[in-house]
């Protein structure tokens, strides 16, 4: 997997992550009102995962100088914008 460009790795990672989130959300029964479901915890963990992934991309960009890592950061931003806009209409 080393020969795949960082942009494609980023897209594949986030597509798999959010498809897994949606699948967990649809198949899991509704939990108690006093605690979050596993899908809610999974969704909340996506935020620090994205931040850590962005920091790794910044580090790799400054270490190698490859522009593909900056493009991957733009993709992370665009995917979050698209996902949050879809949240209003599809999931919640």
N, C-alpha and C. Protein backbone atom coordinates (compact mmCIF):
# COMPACT_ATOMS: atom_id res chain seq x y z
N UNK A 1 0.81 -1.19 0.00
CA UNK A 1 0.00 0.00 0.00
C UNK A 1 0.86 1.26 0.00
N UNK A 2 2.14 1.11 -0.12
CA UNK A 2 3.02 2.27 -0.12
C UNK A 2 2.99 3.02 -1.44
N UNK A 3 2.59 2.37 -2.53
CA UNK A 3 2.61 3.04 -3.82
C UNK A 3 1.31 3.77 -4.14
N UNK A 4 0.34 3.75 -3.24
CA UNK A 4 -0.91 4.49 -3.44
C UNK A 4 -0.70 5.93 -2.98
N UNK A 5 -1.23 6.85 -3.76
CA UNK A 5 -1.08 8.27 -3.43
C UNK A 5 -1.82 8.61 -2.15
N UNK A 6 -1.35 9.60 -1.40
CA UNK A 6 -2.00 9.96 -0.13
C UNK A 6 -3.45 10.42 -0.28
N UNK A 7 -3.77 11.04 -1.41
CA UNK A 7 -5.14 11.48 -1.62
C UNK A 7 -6.10 10.29 -1.68
N UNK A 8 -5.68 9.25 -2.38
CA UNK A 8 -6.53 8.07 -2.52
C UNK A 8 -6.65 7.34 -1.19
N UNK A 9 -5.55 7.27 -0.43
CA UNK A 9 -5.61 6.66 0.90
C UNK A 9 -6.57 7.40 1.81
N UNK A 10 -6.55 8.73 1.73
CA UNK A 10 -7.43 9.55 2.55
C UNK A 10 -8.89 9.31 2.20
N UNK A 11 -9.19 9.31 0.92
CA UNK A 11 -10.56 9.10 0.49
C UNK A 11 -11.05 7.72 0.90
N UNK A 12 -10.24 6.69 0.69
CA UNK A 12 -10.64 5.34 1.06
C UNK A 12 -10.84 5.19 2.56
N UNK A 13 -9.97 5.82 3.35
CA UNK A 13 -10.09 5.74 4.80
C UNK A 13 -11.40 6.36 5.28
N UNK A 14 -11.70 7.56 4.82
CA UNK A 14 -12.90 8.22 5.30
C UNK A 14 -14.18 7.59 4.76
N UNK A 15 -14.16 7.10 3.55
CA UNK A 15 -15.33 6.40 3.02
C UNK A 15 -15.61 5.16 3.84
N UNK A 16 -14.58 4.38 4.13
CA UNK A 16 -14.76 3.17 4.94
C UNK A 16 -15.23 3.53 6.35
N UNK A 17 -14.66 4.57 6.94
CA UNK A 17 -15.01 4.96 8.30
C UNK A 17 -16.47 5.38 8.40
N UNK A 18 -16.92 6.22 7.49
CA UNK A 18 -18.28 6.72 7.59
C UNK A 18 -19.32 5.71 7.10
N UNK A 19 -18.96 4.82 6.20
CA UNK A 19 -19.87 3.73 5.84
C UNK A 19 -20.05 2.81 7.04
N UNK A 20 -18.96 2.54 7.74
CA UNK A 20 -19.06 1.73 8.95
C UNK A 20 -19.92 2.42 10.01
N UNK A 21 -19.79 3.73 10.14
CA UNK A 21 -20.61 4.50 11.08
C UNK A 21 -22.09 4.39 10.72
N UNK A 22 -22.41 4.54 9.44
CA UNK A 22 -23.81 4.47 9.02
C UNK A 22 -24.37 3.06 9.21
N UNK A 23 -23.56 2.05 8.92
CA UNK A 23 -24.02 0.68 9.14
C UNK A 23 -24.27 0.39 10.61
N UNK A 24 -23.39 0.83 11.47
CA UNK A 24 -23.60 0.63 12.91
C UNK A 24 -24.85 1.37 13.35
N UNK A 25 -25.05 2.55 12.84
CA UNK A 25 -26.22 3.37 13.22
C UNK A 25 -27.53 2.71 12.79
N UNK A 26 -27.54 2.08 11.62
CA UNK A 26 -28.79 1.49 11.14
C UNK A 26 -29.11 0.17 11.82
N UNK A 27 -28.11 -0.62 12.16
CA UNK A 27 -28.37 -1.94 12.72
C UNK A 27 -28.41 -1.98 14.24
N UNK A 28 -27.93 -0.96 14.89
CA UNK A 28 -27.91 -0.95 16.35
C UNK A 28 -29.25 -0.46 16.89
N UNK A 29 -29.78 -1.15 17.89
CA UNK A 29 -31.02 -0.65 18.49
C UNK A 29 -30.76 0.65 19.26
N UNK A 30 -31.80 1.42 19.42
CA UNK A 30 -31.68 2.69 20.12
C UNK A 30 -31.40 2.42 21.59
N UNK A 31 -30.40 3.10 22.10
CA UNK A 31 -29.98 2.88 23.49
C UNK A 31 -30.79 3.72 24.46
N UNK A 32 -30.30 3.81 25.66
CA UNK A 32 -31.00 4.58 26.68
C UNK A 32 -30.76 6.07 26.47
N UNK A 33 -31.65 6.90 26.98
CA UNK A 33 -31.44 8.34 26.83
C UNK A 33 -30.35 8.88 27.75
N UNK A 34 -29.86 8.04 28.66
CA UNK A 34 -28.87 8.50 29.62
C UNK A 34 -27.44 8.28 29.17
N UNK A 35 -27.24 7.52 28.12
CA UNK A 35 -25.89 7.24 27.65
C UNK A 35 -25.85 7.15 26.13
N UNK A 36 -24.71 7.40 25.56
CA UNK A 36 -24.61 7.35 24.10
C UNK A 36 -24.56 5.92 23.57
N UNK A 37 -24.98 5.76 22.34
CA UNK A 37 -24.86 4.47 21.66
C UNK A 37 -23.43 4.28 21.20
N UNK A 38 -23.12 3.09 20.73
CA UNK A 38 -21.79 2.83 20.19
C UNK A 38 -21.57 3.65 18.93
N UNK A 39 -22.60 3.83 18.13
CA UNK A 39 -22.44 4.63 16.91
C UNK A 39 -22.16 6.09 17.24
N UNK A 40 -22.75 6.61 18.30
CA UNK A 40 -22.46 7.99 18.71
C UNK A 40 -21.02 8.13 19.17
N UNK A 41 -20.54 7.16 19.92
CA UNK A 41 -19.14 7.18 20.36
C UNK A 41 -18.22 7.05 19.15
N UNK A 42 -18.59 6.18 18.21
CA UNK A 42 -17.81 6.00 16.99
C UNK A 42 -17.76 7.30 16.19
N UNK A 43 -18.88 8.03 16.13
CA UNK A 43 -18.90 9.30 15.43
C UNK A 43 -18.04 10.34 16.16
N UNK A 44 -18.15 10.39 17.47
CA UNK A 44 -17.35 11.36 18.22
C UNK A 44 -15.86 11.07 18.13
N UNK A 45 -15.50 9.82 17.99
CA UNK A 45 -14.08 9.49 17.83
C UNK A 45 -13.55 9.84 16.44
N UNK A 46 -14.43 10.08 15.49
CA UNK A 46 -13.97 10.47 14.16
C UNK A 46 -13.34 11.86 14.15
N UNK A 47 -13.74 12.70 15.08
CA UNK A 47 -13.18 14.05 15.13
C UNK A 47 -11.71 14.03 15.55
N UNK A 48 -11.34 13.39 16.69
CA UNK A 48 -9.91 13.34 17.00
C UNK A 48 -9.12 12.49 16.01
N UNK A 49 -9.76 11.50 15.40
CA UNK A 49 -9.07 10.71 14.38
C UNK A 49 -8.69 11.59 13.20
N UNK A 50 -9.58 12.46 12.79
CA UNK A 50 -9.29 13.38 11.68
C UNK A 50 -8.21 14.37 12.05
N UNK A 51 -8.23 14.85 13.28
CA UNK A 51 -7.21 15.81 13.71
C UNK A 51 -5.84 15.14 13.75
N UNK A 52 -5.76 13.95 14.28
CA UNK A 52 -4.49 13.23 14.33
C UNK A 52 -4.01 12.90 12.92
N UNK A 53 -4.92 12.49 12.06
CA UNK A 53 -4.55 12.19 10.68
C UNK A 53 -4.05 13.44 9.97
N UNK A 54 -4.66 14.59 10.23
CA UNK A 54 -4.20 15.84 9.63
C UNK A 54 -2.82 16.23 10.13
N UNK A 55 -2.55 16.01 11.40
CA UNK A 55 -1.23 16.31 11.94
C UNK A 55 -0.17 15.41 11.30
N UNK A 56 -0.51 14.15 11.09
CA UNK A 56 0.41 13.22 10.43
C UNK A 56 0.66 13.68 8.99
N UNK A 57 -0.39 14.13 8.30
CA UNK A 57 -0.21 14.61 6.93
C UNK A 57 0.66 15.86 6.89
N UNK A 58 0.48 16.79 7.84
CA UNK A 58 1.35 17.96 7.92
C UNK A 58 2.80 17.57 8.15
N UNK A 59 3.01 16.63 9.06
CA UNK A 59 4.37 16.17 9.35
C UNK A 59 5.01 15.56 8.11
N UNK A 60 4.27 14.71 7.41
CA UNK A 60 4.82 14.09 6.21
C UNK A 60 5.09 15.12 5.11
N UNK A 61 4.24 16.15 5.04
CA UNK A 61 4.47 17.20 4.06
C UNK A 61 5.76 17.95 4.36
N UNK A 62 5.96 18.34 5.61
CA UNK A 62 7.16 19.10 5.95
C UNK A 62 8.42 18.24 5.90
N UNK A 63 8.27 16.95 6.12
CA UNK A 63 9.41 16.05 6.06
C UNK A 63 9.84 15.78 4.62
N UNK A 64 8.86 15.57 3.73
CA UNK A 64 9.20 15.19 2.36
C UNK A 64 9.04 16.34 1.36
N UNK A 65 8.17 17.28 1.63
CA UNK A 65 7.92 18.37 0.69
C UNK A 65 7.01 17.97 -0.46
N UNK A 66 6.36 16.83 -0.34
CA UNK A 66 5.47 16.33 -1.39
C UNK A 66 4.13 17.06 -1.32
N UNK A 67 3.69 17.65 -2.43
CA UNK A 67 2.43 18.41 -2.48
C UNK A 67 1.20 17.53 -2.31
N UNK A 68 1.34 16.24 -2.53
CA UNK A 68 0.18 15.35 -2.43
C UNK A 68 -0.37 15.31 -1.01
N UNK A 69 0.47 15.56 -0.01
CA UNK A 69 0.00 15.55 1.38
C UNK A 69 -0.89 16.77 1.66
N UNK A 70 -0.57 17.91 1.06
CA UNK A 70 -1.43 19.09 1.22
C UNK A 70 -2.76 18.85 0.51
N UNK A 71 -2.72 18.21 -0.65
CA UNK A 71 -3.97 17.88 -1.34
C UNK A 71 -4.81 16.93 -0.50
N UNK A 72 -4.18 16.01 0.21
CA UNK A 72 -4.92 15.10 1.09
C UNK A 72 -5.56 15.88 2.24
N UNK A 73 -4.90 16.92 2.73
CA UNK A 73 -5.49 17.75 3.78
C UNK A 73 -6.73 18.50 3.26
N UNK A 74 -6.66 18.97 2.03
CA UNK A 74 -7.83 19.60 1.43
C UNK A 74 -8.97 18.61 1.28
N UNK A 75 -8.65 17.38 0.97
CA UNK A 75 -9.67 16.35 0.85
C UNK A 75 -10.32 16.06 2.19
N UNK A 76 -9.52 16.04 3.26
CA UNK A 76 -10.07 15.83 4.61
C UNK A 76 -11.07 16.94 4.92
N UNK A 77 -10.71 18.17 4.62
CA UNK A 77 -11.60 19.29 4.88
C UNK A 77 -12.88 19.19 4.05
N UNK A 78 -12.74 18.87 2.78
CA UNK A 78 -13.91 18.76 1.90
C UNK A 78 -14.82 17.62 2.33
N UNK A 79 -14.25 16.51 2.74
CA UNK A 79 -15.08 15.39 3.18
C UNK A 79 -15.86 15.72 4.44
N UNK A 80 -15.26 16.46 5.35
CA UNK A 80 -15.99 16.86 6.56
C UNK A 80 -17.12 17.83 6.23
N UNK A 81 -16.89 18.73 5.31
CA UNK A 81 -17.95 19.65 4.92
C UNK A 81 -19.11 18.89 4.28
N UNK A 82 -18.79 17.97 3.38
CA UNK A 82 -19.83 17.17 2.73
C UNK A 82 -20.57 16.31 3.75
N UNK A 83 -19.83 15.67 4.64
CA UNK A 83 -20.46 14.78 5.62
C UNK A 83 -21.38 15.54 6.56
N UNK A 84 -20.96 16.69 7.05
CA UNK A 84 -21.82 17.44 7.96
C UNK A 84 -23.05 18.00 7.25
N UNK A 85 -22.94 18.31 5.99
CA UNK A 85 -24.13 18.74 5.26
C UNK A 85 -25.09 17.57 5.02
N UNK A 86 -24.53 16.38 4.84
CA UNK A 86 -25.38 15.21 4.68
C UNK A 86 -26.04 14.78 6.00
N UNK A 87 -25.42 15.09 7.11
CA UNK A 87 -25.99 14.73 8.40
C UNK A 87 -27.37 15.34 8.62
N UNK A 88 -27.55 16.55 8.12
CA UNK A 88 -28.82 17.22 8.31
C UNK A 88 -29.95 16.53 7.58
N UNK A 89 -29.64 15.89 6.45
CA UNK A 89 -30.69 15.35 5.60
C UNK A 89 -30.84 13.84 5.67
N UNK A 90 -29.78 13.11 5.95
CA UNK A 90 -29.84 11.65 5.87
C UNK A 90 -29.89 10.99 7.24
N UNK A 91 -28.97 11.32 8.10
CA UNK A 91 -28.78 10.52 9.31
C UNK A 91 -29.62 11.03 10.47
N UNK A 92 -29.60 12.30 10.75
CA UNK A 92 -30.31 12.80 11.93
C UNK A 92 -31.56 13.53 11.57
